[in-house]
Amino acid sequence: MKKILAALTATVFFVISAEAQSDPIVTQSTSDSTTTTNGSTTTKVISPPPSAISPAVTVINSDVCVVGFSGAAQTQIFGISFGGTSKDGNCERIKLARSLYDMGMKVAAVSTLCQDERVFTAMMNAGTPCPVDGQIGAGAKEIWESNPKRKPQKIKSED
């Protein structure tokens, strides 16, 4: 039975392949296609786009007490840019005090820092008044109490 089934299968494959070789399928198609595209592009550049460019203000040295700033604004008609630097007074005070201290002038260094109202108040609260007129300690405290107008004033930008 297996032999008959195998023979029948082989015969079917043989017949199908013989038909495929002897009767090719021919398909003809005719089609005409035409595509026409017309177009035009016009670009007119009247002026470049407006641009206000901020200047680069850099302060590279870390031993300088300045901060750089810059900015720009632009409209369709008018543009402006600006830049500059601003010095930091507190940074300068700290650097001066550090230099005085390094030269062994400790009282002068403390006196320099005491020009800041916050340091002055902290020193008074600690019971160690800032030096004044060559006096330190109790002598300085008496001068400060008798002349309150000589006390450092709060800097407006620190509000």
C-alpha atoms as a PDB file:
ATOM      1  CA  MET A   1       0.000   0.000   0.000  1.00  0.00           C
ATOM      2  CA  LYS A   2       2.831   2.355   0.769  1.00  0.00           C
ATOM      3  CA  LYS A   3       4.359   1.620  -2.630  1.00  0.00           C
ATOM      4  CA  ILE A   4       1.116   2.446  -4.421  1.00  0.00           C
ATOM      5  CA  LEU A   5       0.726   5.722  -2.513  1.00  0.00           C
ATOM      6  CA  ALA A   6       4.325   6.716  -3.281  1.00  0.00           C
ATOM      7  CA  ALA A   7       3.884   5.891  -6.982  1.00  0.00           C
ATOM      8  CA  LEU A   8       0.638   7.869  -7.168  1.00  0.00           C
ATOM      9  CA  THR A   9       2.236  10.912  -5.502  1.00  0.00           C
ATOM     10  CA  ALA A  10       5.224  10.810  -7.863  1.00  0.00           C
ATOM     11  CA  THR A  11       2.873  10.590 -10.882  1.00  0.00           C
ATOM     12  CA  VAL A  12       0.860  13.627  -9.748  1.00  0.00           C
ATOM     13  CA  PHE A  13       4.005  15.735  -9.308  1.00  0.00           C
ATOM     14  CA  PHE A  14       5.338  14.590 -12.685  1.00  0.00           C
ATOM     15  CA  VAL A  15       2.108  15.497 -14.502  1.00  0.00           C
ATOM     16  CA  ILE A  16       1.842  18.916 -12.843  1.00  0.00           C
ATOM     17  CA  SER A  17       5.418  19.848 -13.683  1.00  0.00           C
ATOM     18  CA  ALA A  18       5.015  18.662 -17.300  1.00  0.00           C
ATOM     19  CA  GLU A  19       1.892  20.788 -17.772  1.00  0.00           C
ATOM     20  CA  ALA A  20       3.593  23.842 -16.351  1.00  0.00           C
ATOM     21  CA  GLN A  21       6.433  23.492 -18.862  1.00  0.00           C
ATOM     22  CA  SER A  22       4.265  22.854 -21.903  1.00  0.00           C
ATOM     23  CA  ASP A  23       1.569  25.522 -21.329  1.00  0.00           C
ATOM     24  CA  PRO A  24       3.137  28.813 -20.323  1.00  0.00           C
ATOM     25  CA  ILE A  25       0.845  31.597 -19.166  1.00  0.00           C
ATOM     26  CA  VAL A  26       1.147  34.644 -21.392  1.00  0.00           C
ATOM     27  CA  THR A  27      -0.258  37.940 -20.216  1.00  0.00           C
ATOM     28  CA  GLN A  28      -0.181  41.079 -22.277  1.00  0.00           C
ATOM     29  CA  SER A  29      -1.082  44.467 -21.003  1.00  0.00           C
ATOM     30  CA  THR A  30      -0.975  47.777 -22.697  1.00  0.00           C
ATOM     31  CA  SER A  31      -1.297  50.982 -20.809  1.00  0.00           C
ATOM     32  CA  ASP A  32      -0.321  54.520 -21.593  1.00  0.00           C
ATOM     33  CA  SER A  33       0.364  57.007 -18.822  1.00  0.00           C
ATOM     34  CA  THR A  34       1.327  60.632 -19.063  1.00  0.00           C
ATOM     35  CA  THR A  35       2.202  62.892 -16.145  1.00  0.00           C
ATOM     36  CA  THR A  36       2.707  66.604 -16.629  1.00  0.00           C
ATOM     37  CA  THR A  37       3.832  68.897 -13.828  1.00  0.00           C
ATOM     38  CA  ASN A  38       4.186  72.627 -14.108  1.00  0.00           C
ATOM     39  CA  GLY A  39       5.382  74.772 -11.233  1.00  0.00           C
ATOM     40  CA  SER A  40       7.494  77.726 -10.327  1.00  0.00           C
ATOM     41  CA  THR A  41       9.070  78.956  -7.109  1.00  0.00           C
ATOM     42  CA  THR A  42      10.148  82.514  -6.453  1.00  0.00           C
ATOM     43  CA  THR A  43      12.116  83.624  -3.378  1.00  0.00           C
ATOM     44  CA  LYS A  44      12.764  87.268  -2.755  1.00  0.00           C
ATOM     45  CA  VAL A  45      15.160  88.224   0.052  1.00  0.00           C
ATOM     46  CA  ILE A  46      14.759  91.857   1.006  1.00  0.00           C
ATOM     47  CA  SER A  47      17.063  91.933   4.037  1.00  0.00           C
ATOM     48  CA  PRO A  48      18.656  89.503   6.453  1.00  0.00           C
ATOM     49  CA  PRO A  49      16.660  88.678   9.573  1.00  0.00           C
ATOM     50  CA  PRO A  50      17.221  91.142  12.405  1.00  0.00           C
ATOM     51  CA  SER A  51      19.509  89.968  15.167  1.00  0.00           C
ATOM     52  CA  ALA A  52      20.956  91.664  18.220  1.00  0.00           C
ATOM     53  CA  ILE A  53      23.901  89.690  19.526  1.00  0.00           C
ATOM     54  CA  SER A  54      25.067  90.065  23.124  1.00  0.00           C
ATOM     55  CA  PRO A  55      28.765  90.645  23.678  1.00  0.00           C
ATOM     56  CA  ALA A  56      30.612  87.947  25.566  1.00  0.00           C
ATOM     57  CA  VAL A  57      31.883  89.448  28.812  1.00  0.00           C
ATOM     58  CA  THR A  58      34.118  86.939  30.537  1.00  0.00           C
ATOM     59  CA  VAL A  59      36.114  87.319  33.702  1.00  0.00           C
ATOM     60  CA  ILE A  60      38.496  84.394  33.697  1.00  0.00           C
ATOM     61  CA  ASN A  61      40.843  85.247  36.552  1.00  0.00           C
ATOM     62  CA  SER A  62      39.458  83.831  39.808  1.00  0.00           C
ATOM     63  CA  ASP A  63      41.264  86.526  41.828  1.00  0.00           C
ATOM     64  CA  VAL A  64      39.123  89.343  40.424  1.00  0.00           C
ATOM     65  CA  CYS A  65      36.052  90.630  42.231  1.00  0.00           C
ATOM     66  CA  VAL A  66      33.987  91.497  39.154  1.00  0.00           C
ATOM     67  CA  VAL A  67      31.016  89.825  37.521  1.00  0.00           C
ATOM     68  CA  GLY A  68      30.318  90.082  33.803  1.00  0.00           C
ATOM     69  CA  PHE A  69      26.848  90.640  32.351  1.00  0.00           C
ATOM     70  CA  SER A  70      25.404  91.136  28.889  1.00  0.00           C
ATOM     71  CA  GLY A  71      22.065  91.186  27.121  1.00  0.00           C
ATOM     72  CA  ALA A  72      20.305  92.008  23.876  1.00  0.00           C
ATOM     73  CA  ALA A  73      16.846  92.891  22.586  1.00  0.00           C
ATOM     74  CA  GLN A  74      15.601  92.922  19.014  1.00  0.00           C
ATOM     75  CA  THR A  75      12.451  94.017  17.216  1.00  0.00           C
ATOM     76  CA  GLN A  76      11.765  94.048  13.480  1.00  0.00           C
ATOM     77  CA  ILE A  77      13.175  97.553  13.214  1.00  0.00           C
ATOM     78  CA  PHE A  78      15.463  98.275  16.163  1.00  0.00           C
ATOM     79  CA  GLY A  79      18.015  96.163  18.010  1.00  0.00           C
ATOM     80  CA  ILE A  80      20.300  96.877  20.934  1.00  0.00           C
ATOM     81  CA  SER A  81      22.923  94.914  22.813  1.00  0.00           C
ATOM     82  CA  PHE A  82      24.941  95.792  25.865  1.00  0.00           C
ATOM     83  CA  GLY A  83      27.519  94.355  28.231  1.00  0.00           C
ATOM     84  CA  GLY A  84      29.719  95.294  31.114  1.00  0.00           C
ATOM     85  CA  THR A  85      31.108  94.348  34.474  1.00  0.00           C
ATOM     86  CA  SER A  86      30.105  95.017  38.038  1.00  0.00           C
ATOM     87  CA  LYS A  87      32.504  94.922  40.955  1.00  0.00           C
ATOM     88  CA  ASP A  88      31.652  93.081  44.155  1.00  0.00           C
ATOM     89  CA  GLY A  89      32.569  95.305  47.120  1.00  0.00           C
ATOM     90  CA  ASN A  90      32.203  92.516  49.675  1.00  0.00           C
ATOM     91  CA  CYS A  91      34.606  90.309  47.710  1.00  0.00           C
ATOM     92  CA  GLU A  92      37.133  93.159  47.611  1.00  0.00           C
ATOM     93  CA  ARG A  93      36.776  93.685  51.370  1.00  0.00           C
ATOM     94  CA  ILE A  94      37.428  89.998  52.072  1.00  0.00           C
ATOM     95  CA  LYS A  95      40.502  89.955  49.806  1.00  0.00           C
ATOM     96  CA  LEU A  96      41.890  93.097  51.480  1.00  0.00           C
ATOM     97  CA  ALA A  97      41.334  91.628  54.953  1.00  0.00           C
ATOM     98  CA  ARG A  98      43.003  88.363  53.913  1.00  0.00           C
ATOM     99  CA  SER A  99      46.034  90.249  52.566  1.00  0.00           C
ATOM    100  CA  LEU A 100      46.333  92.324  55.766  1.00  0.00           C
ATOM    101  CA  TYR A 101      46.058  89.188  57.907  1.00  0.00           C
ATOM    102  CA  ASP A 102      48.749  87.428  55.833  1.00  0.00           C
ATOM    103  CA  MET A 103      51.080  90.397  56.491  1.00  0.00           C
ATOM    104  CA  GLY A 104      50.569  89.975  60.234  1.00  0.00           C
ATOM    105  CA  MET A 105      48.229  92.945  60.637  1.00  0.00           C
ATOM    106  CA  LYS A 106      45.394  91.103  62.365  1.00  0.00           C
ATOM    107  CA  VAL A 107      43.726  94.151  63.939  1.00  0.00           C
ATOM    108  CA  ALA A 108      43.714  95.960  60.569  1.00  0.00           C
ATOM    109  CA  ALA A 109      42.221  92.855  58.936  1.00  0.00           C
ATOM    110  CA  VAL A 110      39.396  92.750  61.505  1.00  0.00           C
ATOM    111  CA  SER A 111      38.879  96.502  61.112  1.00  0.00           C
ATOM    112  CA  THR A 112      38.538  96.065  57.345  1.00  0.00           C
ATOM    113  CA  LEU A 113      35.898  93.370  57.783  1.00  0.00           C
ATOM    114  CA  CYS A 114      34.097  95.523  60.363  1.00  0.00           C
ATOM    115  CA  GLN A 115      33.225  98.016  57.611  1.00  0.00           C
ATOM    116  CA  ASP A 116      30.392  95.604  56.802  1.00  0.00           C
ATOM    117  CA  GLU A 117      27.382  96.227  59.064  1.00  0.00           C
ATOM    118  CA  ARG A 118      26.740  92.487  59.426  1.00  0.00           C
ATOM    119  CA  VAL A 119      30.280  91.813  60.680  1.00  0.00           C
ATOM    120  CA  PHE A 120      30.110  94.864  62.968  1.00  0.00           C
ATOM    121  CA  THR A 121      26.865  93.588  64.556  1.00  0.00           C
ATOM    122  CA  ALA A 122      28.248  90.069  64.922  1.00  0.00           C
ATOM    123  CA  MET A 123      31.393  91.366  66.629  1.00  0.00           C
ATOM    124  CA  MET A 124      29.367  93.506  69.060  1.00  0.00           C
ATOM    125  CA  ASN A 125      27.051  90.565  69.831  1.00  0.00           C
ATOM    126  CA  ALA A 126      30.075  88.371  70.508  1.00  0.00           C
ATOM    127  CA  GLY A 127      31.439  90.880  73.061  1.00  0.00           C
ATOM    128  CA  THR A 128      34.468  91.718  70.906  1.00  0.00           C
ATOM    129  CA  PRO A 129      33.780  95.193  69.458  1.00  0.00           C
ATOM    130  CA  CYS A 130      35.488  96.241  66.248  1.00  0.00           C
ATOM    131  CA  PRO A 131      38.701  98.252  66.621  1.00  0.00           C
ATOM    132  CA  VAL A 132      38.360 102.036  66.303  1.00  0.00           C
ATOM    133  CA  ASP A 133      40.871 104.887  66.637  1.00  0.00           C
ATOM    134  CA  GLY A 134      43.591 102.458  67.740  1.00  0.00           C
ATOM    135  CA  GLN A 135      41.418 101.123  70.559  1.00  0.00           C
ATOM    136  CA  ILE A 136      40.302  97.515  71.008  1.00  0.00           C
ATOM    137  CA  GLY A 137      38.102  95.766  73.547  1.00  0.00           C
ATOM    138  CA  ALA A 138      36.406  97.957  76.223  1.00  0.00           C
ATOM    139  CA  GLY A 139      38.029 101.164  74.892  1.00  0.00           C
ATOM    140  CA  ALA A 140      36.601 100.525  71.412  1.00  0.00           C
ATOM    141  CA  LYS A 141      33.182  99.699  72.869  1.00  0.00           C
ATOM    142  CA  GLU A 142      33.044 103.078  74.656  1.00  0.00           C
ATOM    143  CA  ILE A 143      33.894 104.941  71.423  1.00  0.00           C
ATOM    144  CA  TRP A 144      31.239 103.049  69.435  1.00  0.00           C
ATOM    145  CA  GLU A 145      28.563 103.696  72.070  1.00  0.00           C
ATOM    146  CA  SER A 146      29.383 107.398  72.335  1.00  0.00           C
ATOM    147  CA  ASN A 147      29.444 107.884  68.520  1.00  0.00           C
ATOM    148  CA  PRO A 148      26.640 105.754  66.980  1.00  0.00           C
ATOM    149  CA  LYS A 149      26.867 107.680  63.661  1.00  0.00           C
ATOM    150  CA  ARG A 150      30.311 106.137  63.077  1.00  0.00           C
ATOM    151  CA  LYS A 151      28.847 102.624  62.929  1.00  0.00           C
ATOM    152  CA  PRO A 152      28.813 101.099  59.437  1.00  0.00           C
ATOM    153  CA  GLN A 153      25.502 101.379  57.609  1.00  0.00           C
ATOM    154  CA  LYS A 154      23.670  98.552  55.911  1.00  0.00           C
ATOM    155  CA  ILE A 155      24.438  98.399  52.200  1.00  0.00           C
ATOM    156  CA  LYS A 156      21.277  99.052  50.136  1.00  0.00           C
ATOM    157  CA  SER A 157      21.892  96.213  47.654  1.00  0.00           C
ATOM    158  CA  GLU A 158      21.767  93.637  50.468  1.00  0.00           C
ATOM    159  CA  ASP A 159      18.082  94.247  51.331  1.00  0.00           C
END
